[in-house]
Amino acid sequence: MIPTTQSLGLTTTLQVDYATALQRVTDALKTEGFGVLTEIDVKETLKKKLDVDFHPYKILGACNPTLAHRALSAAPEVGLLLPCNVTVSEVEAGRVQVSIIDPLMMMSVVEGATLQPIAQEARERLNRVIAALEA
């Protein structure tokens, strides 16, 4: 499957179980220099806070320290946009959607051309994450 660019990010659908998808996403991010700083279990949170049943869905906060340092050095306010969010959502048993925020879209709200090459590099790395997931 070829990655699609939506208004917010890059998306692909994997034909694997949810746990496998989470591991593959984490591994692919690591290969591109991104670590997962935060993990929000939306299913668990909605159950705990609202007593609502929701499908397996996690939001991962991914960060590439080198790119983050460059971006923060160029424009400290960019910290409001970090880390890059990655969602892993079970669509149905054996089918999981993975979406990654598009850094170019995120950085478009910050003035200054100095962030453009950093965002472009981040996007290229995240495109490779999507490609690795589809391999």
N, C-alpha and C. Protein backbone atom coordinates (compact mmCIF):
# COMPACT_ATOMS: atom_id res chain seq x y z
N MET A 1 0.84 -1.18 0.00
CA MET A 1 0.00 0.00 0.00
C MET A 1 0.88 1.25 0.00
N ILE A 2 0.58 2.21 -0.81
CA ILE A 2 1.35 3.46 -0.91
C ILE A 2 0.84 4.43 0.14
N PRO A 3 1.77 5.11 0.85
CA PRO A 3 1.32 6.06 1.88
C PRO A 3 0.53 7.20 1.25
N THR A 4 -0.49 7.63 1.95
CA THR A 4 -1.27 8.76 1.49
C THR A 4 -1.00 9.95 2.39
N THR A 5 -0.99 11.11 1.79
CA THR A 5 -0.82 12.32 2.57
C THR A 5 -2.19 12.91 2.79
N GLN A 6 -2.58 13.01 4.03
CA GLN A 6 -3.83 13.65 4.38
C GLN A 6 -3.50 15.05 4.84
N SER A 7 -4.50 15.80 5.19
CA SER A 7 -4.25 17.17 5.61
C SER A 7 -3.34 17.23 6.83
N LEU A 8 -3.38 16.24 7.68
CA LEU A 8 -2.57 16.27 8.89
C LEU A 8 -1.37 15.34 8.87
N GLY A 9 -1.42 14.29 8.09
CA GLY A 9 -0.31 13.36 8.20
C GLY A 9 -0.22 12.31 7.14
N LEU A 10 0.64 11.35 7.42
CA LEU A 10 0.92 10.21 6.56
C LEU A 10 0.25 8.99 7.16
N THR A 11 -0.46 8.23 6.34
CA THR A 11 -1.26 7.13 6.87
C THR A 11 -1.06 5.87 6.05
N THR A 12 -1.07 4.73 6.75
CA THR A 12 -1.07 3.44 6.09
C THR A 12 -1.90 2.48 6.93
N THR A 13 -2.32 1.40 6.33
CA THR A 13 -3.06 0.37 7.04
C THR A 13 -2.28 -0.94 6.96
N LEU A 14 -2.09 -1.57 8.11
CA LEU A 14 -1.35 -2.82 8.20
C LEU A 14 -2.32 -3.98 8.39
N GLN A 15 -2.01 -5.09 7.77
CA GLN A 15 -2.83 -6.30 7.90
C GLN A 15 -2.18 -7.22 8.94
N VAL A 16 -2.13 -6.74 10.17
CA VAL A 16 -1.54 -7.49 11.28
C VAL A 16 -2.37 -7.23 12.53
N ASP A 17 -2.09 -7.98 13.59
CA ASP A 17 -2.81 -7.74 14.84
C ASP A 17 -2.25 -6.47 15.49
N TYR A 18 -2.98 -5.94 16.44
CA TYR A 18 -2.66 -4.66 17.08
C TYR A 18 -1.29 -4.66 17.77
N ALA A 19 -1.01 -5.69 18.55
CA ALA A 19 0.28 -5.76 19.26
C ALA A 19 1.45 -5.79 18.29
N THR A 20 1.31 -6.53 17.22
CA THR A 20 2.35 -6.60 16.20
C THR A 20 2.54 -5.24 15.55
N ALA A 21 1.45 -4.56 15.25
CA ALA A 21 1.53 -3.22 14.65
C ALA A 21 2.27 -2.26 15.56
N LEU A 22 1.95 -2.26 16.85
CA LEU A 22 2.64 -1.37 17.80
C LEU A 22 4.14 -1.63 17.80
N GLN A 23 4.52 -2.88 17.82
CA GLN A 23 5.95 -3.23 17.83
C GLN A 23 6.62 -2.82 16.53
N ARG A 24 5.96 -3.06 15.41
CA ARG A 24 6.54 -2.68 14.12
C ARG A 24 6.70 -1.17 14.01
N VAL A 25 5.73 -0.42 14.50
CA VAL A 25 5.81 1.05 14.46
C VAL A 25 6.99 1.53 15.30
N THR A 26 7.09 1.02 16.51
CA THR A 26 8.18 1.41 17.42
C THR A 26 9.54 1.07 16.80
N ASP A 27 9.66 -0.11 16.22
CA ASP A 27 10.91 -0.52 15.60
C ASP A 27 11.26 0.35 14.40
N ALA A 28 10.28 0.65 13.56
CA ALA A 28 10.52 1.47 12.36
C ALA A 28 10.91 2.90 12.75
N LEU A 29 10.27 3.43 13.78
CA LEU A 29 10.64 4.76 14.27
C LEU A 29 12.09 4.76 14.77
N LYS A 30 12.44 3.73 15.52
CA LYS A 30 13.79 3.62 16.07
C LYS A 30 14.84 3.58 14.96
N THR A 31 14.55 2.85 13.91
CA THR A 31 15.47 2.76 12.77
C THR A 31 15.76 4.13 12.18
N GLU A 32 14.78 5.03 12.23
CA GLU A 32 14.94 6.39 11.69
C GLU A 32 15.37 7.40 12.75
N GLY A 33 15.77 6.90 13.92
CA GLY A 33 16.30 7.79 14.95
C GLY A 33 15.27 8.41 15.88
N PHE A 34 14.04 7.90 15.86
CA PHE A 34 12.98 8.42 16.72
C PHE A 34 12.76 7.48 17.90
N GLY A 35 12.66 8.05 19.08
CA GLY A 35 12.29 7.28 20.25
C GLY A 35 10.86 7.65 20.63
N VAL A 36 10.20 6.78 21.36
CA VAL A 36 8.85 7.08 21.83
C VAL A 36 8.96 7.62 23.25
N LEU A 37 8.66 8.91 23.39
CA LEU A 37 8.75 9.58 24.69
C LEU A 37 7.49 9.41 25.52
N THR A 38 6.35 9.38 24.84
CA THR A 38 5.07 9.27 25.53
C THR A 38 4.20 8.23 24.84
N GLU A 39 3.32 7.64 25.61
CA GLU A 39 2.36 6.68 25.07
C GLU A 39 1.04 6.89 25.79
N ILE A 40 0.03 7.28 25.04
CA ILE A 40 -1.30 7.49 25.61
C ILE A 40 -2.20 6.37 25.13
N ASP A 41 -2.73 5.59 26.04
CA ASP A 41 -3.65 4.52 25.72
C ASP A 41 -5.06 5.10 25.76
N VAL A 42 -5.57 5.47 24.59
CA VAL A 42 -6.87 6.13 24.50
C VAL A 42 -7.99 5.19 24.96
N LYS A 43 -7.92 3.93 24.58
CA LYS A 43 -8.93 2.95 25.00
C LYS A 43 -9.03 2.89 26.52
N GLU A 44 -7.88 2.77 27.18
CA GLU A 44 -7.84 2.67 28.64
C GLU A 44 -8.32 3.97 29.30
N THR A 45 -7.88 5.09 28.76
CA THR A 45 -8.26 6.39 29.33
C THR A 45 -9.77 6.63 29.22
N LEU A 46 -10.35 6.34 28.07
CA LEU A 46 -11.79 6.55 27.90
C LEU A 46 -12.60 5.62 28.80
N LYS A 47 -12.09 4.41 29.00
CA LYS A 47 -12.77 3.48 29.90
C LYS A 47 -12.73 4.00 31.33
N LYS A 48 -11.55 4.44 31.75
CA LYS A 48 -11.36 4.91 33.12
C LYS A 48 -12.13 6.21 33.39
N LYS A 49 -12.08 7.15 32.46
CA LYS A 49 -12.66 8.48 32.69
C LYS A 49 -14.14 8.57 32.37
N LEU A 50 -14.58 7.83 31.35
CA LEU A 50 -15.97 7.94 30.89
C LEU A 50 -16.75 6.64 30.94
N ASP A 51 -16.08 5.55 31.31
CA ASP A 51 -16.67 4.21 31.28
C ASP A 51 -17.24 3.89 29.89
N VAL A 52 -16.44 4.25 28.88
CA VAL A 52 -16.82 4.04 27.48
C VAL A 52 -15.88 2.99 26.89
N ASP A 53 -16.46 2.07 26.13
CA ASP A 53 -15.63 1.09 25.43
C ASP A 53 -15.20 1.68 24.09
N PHE A 54 -13.92 1.57 23.79
CA PHE A 54 -13.35 2.12 22.56
C PHE A 54 -12.39 1.08 22.02
N HIS A 55 -12.18 1.10 20.72
CA HIS A 55 -11.25 0.15 20.11
C HIS A 55 -9.81 0.47 20.51
N PRO A 56 -8.91 -0.51 20.42
CA PRO A 56 -7.50 -0.26 20.75
C PRO A 56 -6.95 0.92 19.93
N TYR A 57 -6.41 1.89 20.63
CA TYR A 57 -5.94 3.13 20.01
C TYR A 57 -4.89 3.75 20.92
N LYS A 58 -3.70 3.94 20.39
CA LYS A 58 -2.64 4.59 21.17
C LYS A 58 -2.09 5.78 20.39
N ILE A 59 -1.70 6.79 21.15
CA ILE A 59 -1.02 7.95 20.59
C ILE A 59 0.41 7.90 21.13
N LEU A 60 1.37 7.77 20.22
CA LEU A 60 2.77 7.72 20.58
C LEU A 60 3.40 9.09 20.31
N GLY A 61 4.14 9.61 21.27
CA GLY A 61 4.87 10.85 21.08
C GLY A 61 6.29 10.51 20.67
N ALA A 62 6.60 10.64 19.37
CA ALA A 62 7.90 10.25 18.83
C ALA A 62 8.81 11.46 18.69
N CYS A 63 10.08 11.27 19.02
CA CYS A 63 11.04 12.37 18.96
C CYS A 63 12.38 11.88 18.42
N ASN A 64 12.92 12.66 17.49
CA ASN A 64 14.28 12.46 17.03
C ASN A 64 15.09 13.56 17.70
N PRO A 65 15.93 13.22 18.69
CA PRO A 65 16.62 14.23 19.48
C PRO A 65 17.44 15.24 18.65
N THR A 66 18.11 14.75 17.62
CA THR A 66 18.93 15.65 16.79
C THR A 66 18.06 16.68 16.08
N LEU A 67 16.97 16.21 15.47
CA LEU A 67 16.08 17.13 14.77
C LEU A 67 15.38 18.07 15.75
N ALA A 68 14.98 17.54 16.90
CA ALA A 68 14.32 18.39 17.90
C ALA A 68 15.26 19.49 18.38
N HIS A 69 16.52 19.15 18.62
CA HIS A 69 17.50 20.14 19.06
C HIS A 69 17.68 21.23 18.02
N ARG A 70 17.80 20.83 16.76
CA ARG A 70 17.95 21.81 15.68
C ARG A 70 16.74 22.72 15.59
N ALA A 71 15.54 22.14 15.69
CA ALA A 71 14.31 22.93 15.59
C ALA A 71 14.17 23.89 16.78
N LEU A 72 14.43 23.39 17.98
CA LEU A 72 14.31 24.22 19.18
C LEU A 72 15.36 25.33 19.20
N SER A 73 16.52 25.07 18.66
CA SER A 73 17.56 26.09 18.58
C SER A 73 17.18 27.19 17.60
N ALA A 74 16.50 26.81 16.53
CA ALA A 74 16.08 27.78 15.52
C ALA A 74 14.86 28.58 15.97
N ALA A 75 13.95 27.93 16.69
CA ALA A 75 12.70 28.59 17.12
C ALA A 75 12.20 27.90 18.38
N PRO A 76 12.56 28.42 19.56
CA PRO A 76 12.19 27.75 20.81
C PRO A 76 10.69 27.46 20.97
N GLU A 77 9.85 28.30 20.36
CA GLU A 77 8.40 28.09 20.48
C GLU A 77 7.91 26.83 19.78
N VAL A 78 8.78 26.21 18.96
CA VAL A 78 8.40 24.98 18.28
C VAL A 78 8.17 23.84 19.28
N GLY A 79 8.65 24.01 20.50
CA GLY A 79 8.40 23.01 21.53
C GLY A 79 6.92 22.76 21.76
N LEU A 80 6.09 23.75 21.44
CA LEU A 80 4.64 23.56 21.56
C LEU A 80 4.11 22.51 20.59
N LEU A 81 4.87 22.22 19.55
CA LEU A 81 4.44 21.27 18.52
C LEU A 81 5.09 19.90 18.66
N LEU A 82 5.96 19.76 19.63
CA LEU A 82 6.69 18.50 19.80
C LEU A 82 6.10 17.68 20.94
N PRO A 83 6.26 16.38 20.95
CA PRO A 83 6.88 15.53 19.94
C PRO A 83 5.92 15.29 18.77
N CYS A 84 6.40 14.57 17.77
CA CYS A 84 5.56 14.19 16.62
C CYS A 84 4.61 13.08 17.07
N ASN A 85 3.33 13.28 16.85
CA ASN A 85 2.37 12.26 17.24
C ASN A 85 2.21 11.19 16.16
N VAL A 86 2.10 9.96 16.64
CA VAL A 86 1.87 8.79 15.80
C VAL A 86 0.68 8.06 16.41
N THR A 87 -0.35 7.79 15.62
CA THR A 87 -1.49 7.04 16.16
C THR A 87 -1.49 5.63 15.59
N VAL A 88 -1.84 4.68 16.45
CA VAL A 88 -1.96 3.28 16.07
C VAL A 88 -3.36 2.87 16.51
N SER A 89 -4.22 2.57 15.54
CA SER A 89 -5.63 2.36 15.80
C SER A 89 -6.14 1.09 15.13
N GLU A 90 -6.70 0.20 15.94
CA GLU A 90 -7.26 -1.03 15.37
C GLU A 90 -8.58 -0.70 14.67
N VAL A 91 -8.61 -0.92 13.36
CA VAL A 91 -9.81 -0.66 12.57
C VAL A 91 -10.78 -1.83 12.72
N GLU A 92 -10.22 -3.02 12.67
CA GLU A 92 -10.94 -4.28 12.90
C GLU A 92 -9.89 -5.33 13.20
N ALA A 93 -10.31 -6.47 13.65
CA ALA A 93 -9.34 -7.53 13.98
C ALA A 93 -8.45 -7.81 12.78
N GLY A 94 -7.14 -7.71 12.99
CA GLY A 94 -6.19 -7.99 11.92
C GLY A 94 -5.94 -6.83 10.97
N ARG A 95 -6.49 -5.67 11.29
CA ARG A 95 -6.31 -4.48 10.42
C ARG A 95 -6.10 -3.26 11.31
N VAL A 96 -4.92 -2.63 11.17
CA VAL A 96 -4.53 -1.52 12.04
C VAL A 96 -4.10 -0.33 11.19
N GLN A 97 -4.65 0.83 11.50
CA GLN A 97 -4.28 2.06 10.80
C GLN A 97 -3.19 2.79 11.60
N VAL A 98 -2.14 3.20 10.90
CA VAL A 98 -1.05 3.96 11.50
C VAL A 98 -1.01 5.31 10.80
N SER A 99 -1.03 6.37 11.60
CA SER A 99 -0.95 7.73 11.05
C SER A 99 0.16 8.47 11.78
N ILE A 100 0.90 9.27 11.02
CA ILE A 100 2.01 10.05 11.56
C ILE A 100 1.82 11.49 11.13
N ILE A 101 1.92 12.40 12.09
CA ILE A 101 1.79 13.82 11.78
C ILE A 101 2.82 14.22 10.73
N ASP A 102 2.43 15.11 9.83
CA ASP A 102 3.34 15.61 8.81
C ASP A 102 4.12 16.80 9.38
N PRO A 103 5.43 16.66 9.59
CA PRO A 103 6.22 17.76 10.16
C PRO A 103 6.17 19.04 9.33
N LEU A 104 6.04 18.91 8.02
CA LEU A 104 5.94 20.11 7.19
C LEU A 104 4.67 20.88 7.52
N MET A 105 3.58 20.18 7.73
CA MET A 105 2.33 20.83 8.09
C MET A 105 2.47 21.47 9.47
N MET A 106 3.06 20.75 10.42
CA MET A 106 3.23 21.28 11.78
C MET A 106 4.07 22.56 11.77
N MET A 107 5.18 22.53 11.08
CA MET A 107 6.09 23.67 11.10
C MET A 107 5.58 24.84 10.27
N SER A 108 4.55 24.61 9.45
CA SER A 108 4.02 25.71 8.64
C SER A 108 3.37 26.79 9.48
N VAL A 109 3.06 26.48 10.73
CA VAL A 109 2.43 27.49 11.60
C VAL A 109 3.45 28.37 12.32
N VAL A 110 4.74 28.04 12.16
CA VAL A 110 5.80 28.82 12.79
C VAL A 110 6.49 29.66 11.71
N GLU A 111 6.65 30.94 11.98
CA GLU A 111 7.30 31.83 11.02
C GLU A 111 8.79 31.54 10.95
N GLY A 112 9.34 31.74 9.78
CA GLY A 112 10.78 31.57 9.60
C GLY A 112 11.11 30.39 8.73
N ALA A 113 11.95 30.65 7.76
CA ALA A 113 12.33 29.60 6.81
C ALA A 113 13.35 28.63 7.38
N THR A 114 13.94 28.94 8.54
CA THR A 114 14.98 28.07 9.08
C THR A 114 14.46 26.70 9.47
N LEU A 115 13.16 26.59 9.75
CA LEU A 115 12.60 25.30 10.16
C LEU A 115 12.27 24.40 8.97
N GLN A 116 12.13 24.97 7.79
CA GLN A 116 11.72 24.21 6.61
C GLN A 116 12.63 23.00 6.34
N PRO A 117 13.95 23.17 6.30
CA PRO A 117 14.79 22.00 6.02
C PRO A 117 14.74 20.95 7.13
N ILE A 118 14.55 21.37 8.36
CA ILE A 118 14.45 20.43 9.48
C ILE A 118 13.17 19.62 9.35
N ALA A 119 12.08 20.33 9.07
CA ALA A 119 10.79 19.65 8.89
C ALA A 119 10.83 18.72 7.68
N GLN A 120 11.51 19.14 6.62
CA GLN A 120 11.63 18.30 5.42
C GLN A 120 12.40 17.02 5.75
N GLU A 121 13.48 17.14 6.50
CA GLU A 121 14.24 15.95 6.88
C GLU A 121 13.41 15.02 7.75
N ALA A 122 12.68 15.60 8.69
CA ALA A 122 11.82 14.78 9.56
C ALA A 122 10.77 14.06 8.72
N ARG A 123 10.18 14.78 7.76
CA ARG A 123 9.15 14.17 6.90
C ARG A 123 9.75 13.02 6.08
N GLU A 124 10.94 13.22 5.54
CA GLU A 124 11.58 12.15 4.77
C GLU A 124 11.81 10.92 5.64
N ARG A 125 12.26 11.13 6.87
CA ARG A 125 12.48 10.00 7.78
C ARG A 125 11.16 9.30 8.10
N LEU A 126 10.11 10.09 8.34
CA LEU A 126 8.81 9.50 8.67
C LEU A 126 8.18 8.82 7.46
N ASN A 127 8.44 9.32 6.28
CA ASN A 127 8.00 8.62 5.06
C ASN A 127 8.67 7.26 4.99
N ARG A 128 9.94 7.19 5.38
CA ARG A 128 10.64 5.90 5.38
C ARG A 128 10.07 4.96 6.44
N VAL A 129 9.57 5.52 7.55
CA VAL A 129 8.90 4.70 8.56
C VAL A 129 7.68 4.05 7.93
N ILE A 130 6.86 4.85 7.26
CA ILE A 130 5.66 4.32 6.60
C ILE A 130 6.06 3.25 5.59
N ALA A 131 7.08 3.53 4.78
CA ALA A 131 7.54 2.56 3.76
C ALA A 131 8.00 1.26 4.43
N ALA A 132 8.71 1.36 5.54
CA ALA A 132 9.17 0.16 6.25
C ALA A 132 8.00 -0.65 6.77
N LEU A 133 6.96 0.03 7.23
CA LEU A 133 5.78 -0.68 7.73
C LEU A 133 5.06 -1.43 6.62
N GLU A 134 5.15 -0.89 5.42
CA GLU A 134 4.46 -1.50 4.28
C GLU A 134 5.27 -2.59 3.60
N ALA A 135 6.54 -2.70 3.99
CA ALA A 135 7.41 -3.71 3.34
C ALA A 135 7.08 -5.11 3.79
